[in-house]
Amino acid sequence: QVQLVESGGGLVQAGGSLRLSCAASGFTFRAYTMAWYRQAPGKQRELVAVISSGGSTNYADSVKGRFTISRDNAQNTVTLQMNNLKPEDTAVYYCNERYRGSWGQGTQVTVSS
C-alpha cells in the first residue's frame, strides 16, 4: 500500500531554515507528481509546492523565492527546503502523492518571531 512518511519539522526562529523530507513507498514514485501542503490552525489546507515526474516545479506565491521542492527518484524521496522562514509559515506540513491522493501523517513546523 502507499505510504508517505514526513520528517524534519521542528521549532525555528524567524529567518531560519528547515528541510522537510518525505519517504514514499507502495507505488512507482518516479512516475507521479508529488506535492507539499500545509495547514495552519483554523485554516484550510493549502498547496505549498508541487514537482512533476519530470521535475517541473510550482510554488504558492507566499513561499516563492524562499522554499525549494526537489525529488530523488533513486531514493523515492521528495524534499522541501525552507529558508527565511516567517511566523506565518507555522503549520503542519503534509506530503501528498498524485497516484491515489494519499497523505502522510504530517510534520509540525513552528516559526517563532
Protein backbone atom coordinates (compact mmCIF):
# COMPACT_ATOMS: atom_id res chain seq x y z
CA GLN A 1 0.00 0.00 0.00
CA VAL A 2 1.02 3.62 -0.46
CA GLN A 3 2.97 5.03 2.45
CA LEU A 4 4.33 8.55 2.91
CA VAL A 5 6.47 9.39 5.93
CA GLU A 6 7.45 13.00 6.59
CA SER A 7 10.34 14.14 8.76
CA GLY A 8 12.35 17.25 9.50
CA GLY A 9 9.89 19.58 11.19
CA GLY A 10 10.66 21.49 14.34
CA LEU A 11 10.90 24.85 16.05
CA VAL A 12 12.98 27.58 14.44
CA GLN A 13 13.37 31.33 14.81
CA ALA A 14 12.19 33.69 12.10
CA GLY A 15 14.79 33.90 9.36
CA GLY A 16 15.95 30.36 9.96
CA SER A 17 15.78 27.27 7.76
CA LEU A 18 14.35 23.78 7.89
CA ARG A 19 14.48 20.85 5.49
CA LEU A 20 11.50 18.54 5.27
CA SER A 21 11.72 15.09 3.73
CA CYS A 22 9.05 12.64 2.63
CA ALA A 23 9.87 8.98 2.06
CA ALA A 24 7.43 7.29 -0.31
CA SER A 25 6.68 3.64 -0.96
CA GLY A 26 4.00 1.44 -2.47
CA PHE A 27 3.83 2.99 -5.93
CA THR A 28 6.08 3.89 -8.86
CA PHE A 29 7.39 7.09 -7.34
CA ARG A 30 9.25 8.36 -10.40
CA ALA A 31 6.08 8.35 -12.50
CA TYR A 32 3.98 10.68 -10.35
CA THR A 33 3.78 14.29 -9.33
CA MET A 34 4.46 14.94 -5.66
CA ALA A 35 3.43 17.91 -3.54
CA TRP A 36 3.75 19.56 -0.15
CA TYR A 37 0.73 21.10 1.55
CA ARG A 38 0.37 22.84 4.89
CA GLN A 39 -2.44 23.51 7.33
CA ALA A 40 -2.30 26.19 9.98
CA PRO A 41 -4.66 26.14 12.99
CA GLY A 42 -8.14 27.24 11.98
CA LYS A 43 -7.26 27.40 8.29
CA GLN A 44 -7.79 25.19 5.27
CA ARG A 45 -5.03 23.00 3.95
CA GLU A 46 -3.16 24.83 1.20
CA LEU A 47 -0.77 23.83 -1.54
CA VAL A 48 2.81 24.94 -0.89
CA ALA A 49 4.82 23.39 -3.72
CA VAL A 50 4.49 20.72 -6.38
CA ILE A 51 7.01 18.85 -8.51
CA SER A 52 6.09 16.83 -11.57
CA SER A 53 7.56 13.50 -12.57
CA GLY A 54 9.77 15.41 -15.00
CA GLY A 55 10.99 17.81 -12.34
CA SER A 56 8.92 20.89 -13.17
CA THR A 57 8.02 22.88 -10.08
CA ASN A 58 5.39 25.35 -8.95
CA TYR A 59 5.04 27.28 -5.72
CA ALA A 60 2.47 29.21 -3.78
CA ASP A 61 3.10 32.92 -4.11
CA SER A 62 3.69 33.16 -0.36
CA VAL A 63 6.75 30.89 -0.50
CA LYS A 64 8.28 31.74 -3.88
CA GLY A 65 11.95 32.57 -3.57
CA ARG A 66 12.17 31.05 -0.08
CA PHE A 67 11.17 27.39 -0.50
CA THR A 68 12.57 24.79 -2.90
CA ILE A 69 11.00 21.43 -3.69
CA SER A 70 13.12 18.63 -5.12
CA ARG A 71 12.91 14.89 -5.63
CA ASP A 72 15.28 11.94 -5.65
CA ASN A 73 13.77 9.17 -7.75
CA ALA A 74 16.52 6.75 -6.76
CA GLN A 75 15.66 7.16 -3.07
CA ASN A 76 11.90 7.70 -3.54
CA THR A 77 12.04 10.92 -1.56
CA VAL A 78 10.73 14.44 -2.01
CA THR A 79 12.29 17.31 -0.07
CA LEU A 80 11.16 20.81 0.83
CA GLN A 81 13.99 23.20 1.67
CA MET A 82 12.56 26.16 3.56
CA ASN A 83 14.68 29.28 4.01
CA ASN A 84 13.99 32.67 5.54
CA LEU A 85 11.11 31.21 7.50
CA LYS A 86 8.41 33.52 8.82
CA PRO A 87 5.94 33.10 11.70
CA GLU A 88 3.15 32.77 9.14
CA ASP A 89 4.82 29.60 7.84
CA THR A 90 3.85 27.88 11.10
CA ALA A 91 1.70 24.88 10.19
CA VAL A 92 1.58 21.13 9.90
CA TYR A 93 3.22 20.20 6.60
CA TYR A 94 1.93 17.21 4.63
CA CYS A 95 3.37 15.22 1.76
CA ASN A 96 0.95 14.24 -0.99
CA GLU A 97 1.22 11.89 -3.95
CA ARG A 98 -0.84 12.25 -7.12
CA TYR A 99 -1.14 8.48 -7.71
CA ARG A 100 -4.04 7.87 -5.34
CA GLY A 101 -4.03 11.12 -3.44
CA SER A 102 -2.60 9.69 -0.22
CA TRP A 103 -1.27 11.85 2.59
CA GLY A 104 1.49 11.45 5.11
CA GLN A 105 0.93 11.93 8.82
CA GLY A 106 2.29 15.47 8.75
CA THR A 107 5.19 17.19 10.45
CA GLN A 108 4.88 20.30 12.61
CA VAL A 109 6.81 23.43 11.68
CA THR A 110 6.79 26.26 14.21
CA VAL A 111 8.46 29.58 13.49
CA SER A 112 8.91 31.94 16.41
CA SER A 113 9.18 35.69 15.99
